[in-house]
Amino acid sequence: RHPEKYMEEIVESTLSLLTVKHDQSHVVSQKILDPIYFFALVDTKAVWFKKWMHAHYSRTTVLRLLEKKYKSL
């Protein structure tokens, strides 16, 4: 088990990565995919999310961040 602060940093960094959007002014002919689409392609059953939501330790951090900072997800 890792310190809570360390786990919070990992969760927040990952959620921050998932909310990255491409700049609409630089759209090319191919559709640019956001990071969330790549996660969905690699992990179709969202195993990473299931593991995060398994224990109270990480679940509270994930839900708090989704509620307050990452509502777009």
PDB file of N, CA and C in Angstrom:
ATOM      1  N   ARG A   1       0.844  -1.181   0.000  1.00  0.00           N
ATOM      2  CA  ARG A   1       0.000   0.000   0.000  1.00  0.00           C
ATOM      3  C   ARG A   1       0.887   1.240   0.000  1.00  0.00           C
ATOM      4  N   HIS A   2       0.520   2.181  -0.847  1.00  0.00           N
ATOM      5  CA  HIS A   2       1.301   3.407  -0.995  1.00  0.00           C
ATOM      6  C   HIS A   2       0.688   4.530  -0.168  1.00  0.00           C
ATOM      7  N   PRO A   3       1.499   5.546   0.146  1.00  0.00           N
ATOM      8  CA  PRO A   3       0.945   6.701   0.864  1.00  0.00           C
ATOM      9  C   PRO A   3      -0.198   7.327   0.062  1.00  0.00           C
ATOM     10  N   GLU A   4      -1.164   7.856   0.776  1.00  0.00           N
ATOM     11  CA  GLU A   4      -2.352   8.421   0.130  1.00  0.00           C
ATOM     12  C   GLU A   4      -2.002   9.556  -0.825  1.00  0.00           C
ATOM     13  N   LYS A   5      -1.059  10.378  -0.460  1.00  0.00           N
ATOM     14  CA  LYS A   5      -0.658  11.506  -1.314  1.00  0.00           C
ATOM     15  C   LYS A   5      -0.108  10.995  -2.645  1.00  0.00           C
ATOM     16  N   TYR A   6       0.689   9.940  -2.613  1.00  0.00           N
ATOM     17  CA  TYR A   6       1.261   9.349  -3.829  1.00  0.00           C
ATOM     18  C   TYR A   6       0.153   8.819  -4.729  1.00  0.00           C
ATOM     19  N   MET A   7      -0.794   8.125  -4.142  1.00  0.00           N
ATOM     20  CA  MET A   7      -1.906   7.558  -4.906  1.00  0.00           C
ATOM     21  C   MET A   7      -2.766   8.671  -5.507  1.00  0.00           C
ATOM     22  N   GLU A   8      -2.995   9.742  -4.778  1.00  0.00           N
ATOM     23  CA  GLU A   8      -3.767  10.874  -5.279  1.00  0.00           C
ATOM     24  C   GLU A   8      -3.085  11.518  -6.481  1.00  0.00           C
ATOM     25  N   GLU A   9      -1.768  11.631  -6.433  1.00  0.00           N
ATOM     26  CA  GLU A   9      -1.020  12.215  -7.543  1.00  0.00           C
ATOM     27  C   GLU A   9      -1.148  11.359  -8.802  1.00  0.00           C
ATOM     28  N   ILE A  10      -1.087  10.046  -8.645  1.00  0.00           N
ATOM     29  CA  ILE A  10      -1.215   9.139  -9.788  1.00  0.00           C
ATOM     30  C   ILE A  10      -2.612   9.236 -10.388  1.00  0.00           C
ATOM     31  N   VAL A  11      -3.627   9.207  -9.555  1.00  0.00           N
ATOM     32  CA  VAL A  11      -5.007   9.286 -10.034  1.00  0.00           C
ATOM     33  C   VAL A  11      -5.251  10.618 -10.721  1.00  0.00           C
ATOM     34  N   GLU A  12      -4.823  11.695 -10.106  1.00  0.00           N
ATOM     35  CA  GLU A  12      -5.048  13.010 -10.699  1.00  0.00           C
ATOM     36  C   GLU A  12      -4.288  13.165 -12.015  1.00  0.00           C
ATOM     37  N   SER A  13      -3.073  12.669 -12.086  1.00  0.00           N
ATOM     38  CA  SER A  13      -2.303  12.745 -13.335  1.00  0.00           C
ATOM     39  C   SER A  13      -2.985  11.961 -14.448  1.00  0.00           C
ATOM     40  N   THR A  14      -3.498  10.796 -14.125  1.00  0.00           N
ATOM     41  CA  THR A  14      -4.173   9.976 -15.129  1.00  0.00           C
ATOM     42  C   THR A  14      -5.465  10.639 -15.601  1.00  0.00           C
ATOM     43  N   LEU A  15      -6.249  11.146 -14.674  1.00  0.00           N
ATOM     44  CA  LEU A  15      -7.484  11.830 -15.056  1.00  0.00           C
ATOM     45  C   LEU A  15      -7.183  13.076 -15.881  1.00  0.00           C
ATOM     46  N   SER A  16      -6.119  13.761 -15.541  1.00  0.00           N
ATOM     47  CA  SER A  16      -5.704  14.935 -16.307  1.00  0.00           C
ATOM     48  C   SER A  16      -5.344  14.536 -17.735  1.00  0.00           C
ATOM     49  N   LEU A  17      -4.642  13.435 -17.888  1.00  0.00           N
ATOM     50  CA  LEU A  17      -4.296  12.933 -19.214  1.00  0.00           C
ATOM     51  C   LEU A  17      -5.546  12.577 -20.014  1.00  0.00           C
ATOM     52  N   LEU A  18      -6.514  11.967 -19.365  1.00  0.00           N
ATOM     53  CA  LEU A  18      -7.729  11.548 -20.054  1.00  0.00           C
ATOM     54  C   LEU A  18      -8.595  12.719 -20.504  1.00  0.00           C
ATOM     55  N   THR A  19      -8.432  13.868 -19.894  1.00  0.00           N
ATOM     56  CA  THR A  19      -9.249  15.023 -20.265  1.00  0.00           C
ATOM     57  C   THR A  19      -8.580  15.929 -21.287  1.00  0.00           C
ATOM     58  N   VAL A  20      -7.398  15.559 -21.751  1.00  0.00           N
ATOM     59  CA  VAL A  20      -6.699  16.358 -22.756  1.00  0.00           C
ATOM     60  C   VAL A  20      -7.502  16.355 -24.055  1.00  0.00           C
ATOM     61  N   LYS A  21      -7.685  17.507 -24.612  1.00  0.00           N
ATOM     62  CA  LYS A  21      -8.409  17.655 -25.877  1.00  0.00           C
ATOM     63  C   LYS A  21      -7.474  18.276 -26.899  1.00  0.00           C
ATOM     64  N   HIS A  22      -7.668  17.936 -28.153  1.00  0.00           N
ATOM     65  CA  HIS A  22      -6.842  18.525 -29.205  1.00  0.00           C
ATOM     66  C   HIS A  22      -7.365  19.917 -29.565  1.00  0.00           C
ATOM     67  N   ASP A  23      -6.500  20.699 -30.119  1.00  0.00           N
ATOM     68  CA  ASP A  23      -6.825  22.064 -30.511  1.00  0.00           C
ATOM     69  C   ASP A  23      -7.624  22.032 -31.813  1.00  0.00           C
ATOM     70  N   GLN A  24      -8.820  22.563 -31.802  1.00  0.00           N
ATOM     71  CA  GLN A  24      -9.710  22.548 -32.963  1.00  0.00           C
ATOM     72  C   GLN A  24      -9.131  23.325 -34.147  1.00  0.00           C
ATOM     73  N   SER A  25      -8.248  24.278 -33.902  1.00  0.00           N
ATOM     74  CA  SER A  25      -7.704  25.080 -34.995  1.00  0.00           C
ATOM     75  C   SER A  25      -6.671  24.325 -35.824  1.00  0.00           C
ATOM     76  N   HIS A  26      -6.182  23.201 -35.305  1.00  0.00           N
ATOM     77  CA  HIS A  26      -5.172  22.420 -36.019  1.00  0.00           C
ATOM     78  C   HIS A  26      -5.723  21.087 -36.502  1.00  0.00           C
ATOM     79  N   VAL A  27      -6.972  21.048 -36.854  1.00  0.00           N
ATOM     80  CA  VAL A  27      -7.591  19.807 -37.305  1.00  0.00           C
ATOM     81  C   VAL A  27      -7.065  19.468 -38.705  1.00  0.00           C
ATOM     82  N   VAL A  28      -6.641  18.224 -38.848  1.00  0.00           N
ATOM     83  CA  VAL A  28      -6.177  17.742 -40.150  1.00  0.00           C
ATOM     84  C   VAL A  28      -7.249  16.832 -40.730  1.00  0.00           C
ATOM     85  N   SER A  29      -6.984  16.281 -41.897  1.00  0.00           N
ATOM     86  CA  SER A  29      -8.004  15.471 -42.558  1.00  0.00           C
ATOM     87  C   SER A  29      -8.371  14.226 -41.751  1.00  0.00           C
ATOM     88  N   GLN A  30      -7.409  13.637 -41.033  1.00  0.00           N
ATOM     89  CA  GLN A  30      -7.725  12.483 -40.199  1.00  0.00           C
ATOM     90  C   GLN A  30      -8.311  12.955 -38.877  1.00  0.00           C
ATOM     91  N   LYS A  31      -9.173  12.143 -38.323  1.00  0.00           N
ATOM     92  CA  LYS A  31      -9.747  12.487 -37.019  1.00  0.00           C
ATOM     93  C   LYS A  31      -8.683  12.270 -35.952  1.00  0.00           C
ATOM     94  N   ILE A  32      -8.457  13.268 -35.134  1.00  0.00           N
ATOM     95  CA  ILE A  32      -7.489  13.153 -34.047  1.00  0.00           C
ATOM     96  C   ILE A  32      -8.217  12.595 -32.835  1.00  0.00           C
ATOM     97  N   LEU A  33      -7.681  11.538 -32.294  1.00  0.00           N
ATOM     98  CA  LEU A  33      -8.330  10.887 -31.155  1.00  0.00           C
ATOM     99  C   LEU A  33      -7.787  11.421 -29.836  1.00  0.00           C
ATOM    100  N   ASP A  34      -8.682  11.619 -28.902  1.00  0.00           N
ATOM    101  CA  ASP A  34      -8.300  12.031 -27.558  1.00  0.00           C
ATOM    102  C   ASP A  34      -7.779  10.821 -26.791  1.00  0.00           C
ATOM    103  N   PRO A  35      -7.011  11.033 -25.727  1.00  0.00           N
ATOM    104  CA  PRO A  35      -6.443   9.913 -24.952  1.00  0.00           C
ATOM    105  C   PRO A  35      -7.489   8.910 -24.461  1.00  0.00           C
ATOM    106  N   ILE A  36      -8.685   9.364 -24.143  1.00  0.00           N
ATOM    107  CA  ILE A  36      -9.713   8.449 -23.643  1.00  0.00           C
ATOM    108  C   ILE A  36     -10.052   7.377 -24.681  1.00  0.00           C
ATOM    109  N   TYR A  37      -9.994   7.717 -25.962  1.00  0.00           N
ATOM    110  CA  TYR A  37     -10.262   6.746 -27.022  1.00  0.00           C
ATOM    111  C   TYR A  37      -9.175   5.671 -27.079  1.00  0.00           C
ATOM    112  N   PHE A  38      -7.932   6.071 -26.862  1.00  0.00           N
ATOM    113  CA  PHE A  38      -6.836   5.093 -26.860  1.00  0.00           C
ATOM    114  C   PHE A  38      -6.968   4.132 -25.681  1.00  0.00           C
ATOM    115  N   PHE A  39      -7.356   4.655 -24.519  1.00  0.00           N
ATOM    116  CA  PHE A  39      -7.588   3.780 -23.362  1.00  0.00           C
ATOM    117  C   PHE A  39      -8.690   2.778 -23.681  1.00  0.00           C
ATOM    118  N   ALA A  40      -9.738   3.237 -24.325  1.00  0.00           N
ATOM    119  CA  ALA A  40     -10.858   2.367 -24.671  1.00  0.00           C
ATOM    120  C   ALA A  40     -10.441   1.290 -25.669  1.00  0.00           C
ATOM    121  N   LEU A  41      -9.540   1.610 -26.573  1.00  0.00           N
ATOM    122  CA  LEU A  41      -9.060   0.621 -27.537  1.00  0.00           C
ATOM    123  C   LEU A  41      -8.169  -0.429 -26.887  1.00  0.00           C
ATOM    124  N   VAL A  42      -7.331   0.005 -25.981  1.00  0.00           N
ATOM    125  CA  VAL A  42      -6.378  -0.903 -25.334  1.00  0.00           C
ATOM    126  C   VAL A  42      -7.043  -1.740 -24.248  1.00  0.00           C
ATOM    127  N   ASP A  43      -7.922  -1.140 -23.491  1.00  0.00           N
ATOM    128  CA  ASP A  43      -8.559  -1.815 -22.355  1.00  0.00           C
ATOM    129  C   ASP A  43     -10.077  -1.738 -22.527  1.00  0.00           C
ATOM    130  N   THR A  44     -10.622  -2.593 -23.377  1.00  0.00           N
ATOM    131  CA  THR A  44     -12.039  -2.508 -23.739  1.00  0.00           C
ATOM    132  C   THR A  44     -12.989  -2.748 -22.574  1.00  0.00           C
ATOM    133  N   LYS A  45     -12.547  -3.448 -21.553  1.00  0.00           N
ATOM    134  CA  LYS A  45     -13.414  -3.731 -20.405  1.00  0.00           C
ATOM    135  C   LYS A  45     -13.157  -2.788 -19.229  1.00  0.00           C
ATOM    136  N   ALA A  46     -12.340  -1.783 -19.456  1.00  0.00           N
ATOM    137  CA  ALA A  46     -12.007  -0.780 -18.425  1.00  0.00           C
ATOM    138  C   ALA A  46     -11.520  -1.421 -17.131  1.00  0.00           C
ATOM    139  N   VAL A  47     -10.599  -2.350 -17.259  1.00  0.00           N
ATOM    140  CA  VAL A  47     -10.040  -3.031 -16.093  1.00  0.00           C
ATOM    141  C   VAL A  47      -9.346  -2.033 -15.168  1.00  0.00           C
ATOM    142  N   TRP A  48      -8.686  -1.033 -15.733  1.00  0.00           N
ATOM    143  CA  TRP A  48      -7.997  -0.044 -14.907  1.00  0.00           C
ATOM    144  C   TRP A  48      -8.987   0.665 -13.989  1.00  0.00           C
ATOM    145  N   PHE A  49     -10.173   0.977 -14.510  1.00  0.00           N
ATOM    146  CA  PHE A  49     -11.175   1.681 -13.703  1.00  0.00           C
ATOM    147  C   PHE A  49     -11.752   0.755 -12.638  1.00  0.00           C
ATOM    148  N   LYS A  50     -11.978  -0.487 -12.979  1.00  0.00           N
ATOM    149  CA  LYS A  50     -12.490  -1.457 -12.006  1.00  0.00           C
ATOM    150  C   LYS A  50     -11.511  -1.611 -10.847  1.00  0.00           C
ATOM    151  N   LYS A  51     -10.224  -1.647 -11.151  1.00  0.00           N
ATOM    152  CA  LYS A  51      -9.210  -1.773 -10.092  1.00  0.00           C
ATOM    153  C   LYS A  51      -9.181  -0.532  -9.207  1.00  0.00           C
ATOM    154  N   TRP A  52      -9.327   0.634  -9.815  1.00  0.00           N
ATOM    155  CA  TRP A  52      -9.353   1.864  -9.028  1.00  0.00           C
ATOM    156  C   TRP A  52     -10.568   1.906  -8.111  1.00  0.00           C
ATOM    157  N   MET A  53     -11.694   1.382  -8.575  1.00  0.00           N
ATOM    158  CA  MET A  53     -12.928   1.454  -7.802  1.00  0.00           C
ATOM    159  C   MET A  53     -13.092   0.286  -6.834  1.00  0.00           C
ATOM    160  N   HIS A  54     -12.146  -0.622  -6.795  1.00  0.00           N
ATOM    161  CA  HIS A  54     -12.251  -1.816  -5.966  1.00  0.00           C
ATOM    162  C   HIS A  54     -12.170  -1.501  -4.475  1.00  0.00           C
ATOM    163  N   ALA A  55     -11.227  -0.699  -4.079  1.00  0.00           N
ATOM    164  CA  ALA A  55     -11.011  -0.436  -2.651  1.00  0.00           C
ATOM    165  C   ALA A  55     -11.464   0.972  -2.268  1.00  0.00           C
ATOM    166  N   HIS A  56     -11.874   1.106  -1.043  1.00  0.00           N
ATOM    167  CA  HIS A  56     -12.298   2.408  -0.523  1.00  0.00           C
ATOM    168  C   HIS A  56     -11.160   3.422  -0.617  1.00  0.00           C
ATOM    169  N   TYR A  57      -9.950   2.938  -0.425  1.00  0.00           N
ATOM    170  CA  TYR A  57      -8.738   3.764  -0.437  1.00  0.00           C
ATOM    171  C   TYR A  57      -8.618   4.588  -1.713  1.00  0.00           C
ATOM    172  N   SER A  58      -8.777   3.973  -2.850  1.00  0.00           N
ATOM    173  CA  SER A  58      -8.660   4.708  -4.110  1.00  0.00           C
ATOM    174  C   SER A  58     -10.000   5.226  -4.618  1.00  0.00           C
ATOM    175  N   ARG A  59     -11.061   4.525  -4.298  1.00  0.00           N
ATOM    176  CA  ARG A  59     -12.387   4.911  -4.783  1.00  0.00           C
ATOM    177  C   ARG A  59     -12.768   6.314  -4.319  1.00  0.00           C
ATOM    178  N   THR A  60     -12.504   6.638  -3.078  1.00  0.00           N
ATOM    179  CA  THR A  60     -12.866   7.961  -2.572  1.00  0.00           C
ATOM    180  C   THR A  60     -12.111   9.063  -3.307  1.00  0.00           C
ATOM    181  N   THR A  61     -10.842   8.817  -3.606  1.00  0.00           N
ATOM    182  CA  THR A  61     -10.055   9.804  -4.335  1.00  0.00           C
ATOM    183  C   THR A  61     -10.580   9.980  -5.747  1.00  0.00           C
ATOM    184  N   VAL A  62     -10.857   8.884  -6.433  1.00  0.00           N
ATOM    185  CA  VAL A  62     -11.356   8.945  -7.806  1.00  0.00           C
ATOM    186  C   VAL A  62     -12.691   9.679  -7.852  1.00  0.00           C
ATOM    187  N   LEU A  63     -13.611   9.307  -6.995  1.00  0.00           N
ATOM    188  CA  LEU A  63     -14.934   9.934  -7.005  1.00  0.00           C
ATOM    189  C   LEU A  63     -14.865  11.416  -6.642  1.00  0.00           C
ATOM    190  N   ARG A  64     -14.020  11.752  -5.688  1.00  0.00           N
ATOM    191  CA  ARG A  64     -13.872  13.160  -5.287  1.00  0.00           C
ATOM    192  C   ARG A  64     -13.330  13.984  -6.457  1.00  0.00           C
ATOM    193  N   LEU A  65     -12.303  13.486  -7.135  1.00  0.00           N
ATOM    194  CA  LEU A  65     -11.733  14.221  -8.261  1.00  0.00           C
ATOM    195  C   LEU A  65     -12.697  14.315  -9.435  1.00  0.00           C
ATOM    196  N   LEU A  66     -13.420  13.237  -9.709  1.00  0.00           N
ATOM    197  CA  LEU A  66     -14.403  13.268 -10.799  1.00  0.00           C
ATOM    198  C   LEU A  66     -15.514  14.259 -10.500  1.00  0.00           C
ATOM    199  N   GLU A  67     -15.894  14.338  -9.261  1.00  0.00           N
ATOM    200  CA  GLU A  67     -16.981  15.225  -8.849  1.00  0.00           C
ATOM    201  C   GLU A  67     -16.590  16.693  -8.907  1.00  0.00           C
ATOM    202  N   LYS A  68     -15.353  16.987  -8.469  1.00  0.00           N
ATOM    203  CA  LYS A  68     -14.951  18.382  -8.321  1.00  0.00           C
ATOM    204  C   LYS A  68     -14.159  18.939  -9.492  1.00  0.00           C
ATOM    205  N   LYS A  69     -13.271  18.143 -10.067  1.00  0.00           N
ATOM    206  CA  LYS A  69     -12.327  18.689 -11.022  1.00  0.00           C
ATOM    207  C   LYS A  69     -12.479  18.148 -12.441  1.00  0.00           C
ATOM    208  N   TYR A  70     -12.962  16.930 -12.580  1.00  0.00           N
ATOM    209  CA  TYR A  70     -13.009  16.275 -13.888  1.00  0.00           C
ATOM    210  C   TYR A  70     -14.423  15.842 -14.251  1.00  0.00           C
ATOM    211  N   LYS A  71     -15.353  16.763 -14.169  1.00  0.00           N
ATOM    212  CA  LYS A  71     -16.758  16.463 -14.463  1.00  0.00           C
ATOM    213  C   LYS A  71     -16.966  16.049 -15.914  1.00  0.00           C
ATOM    214  N   SER A  72     -16.081  16.475 -16.794  1.00  0.00           N
ATOM    215  CA  SER A  72     -16.224  16.166 -18.219  1.00  0.00           C
ATOM    216  C   SER A  72     -16.073  14.668 -18.501  1.00  0.00           C
ATOM    217  N   LEU A  73     -15.420  13.948 -17.614  1.00  0.00           N
ATOM    218  CA  LEU A  73     -15.288  12.504 -17.803  1.00  0.00           C
ATOM    219  C   LEU A  73     -16.550  11.808 -17.374  1.00  0.00           C
TER     220      LEU A  73
END
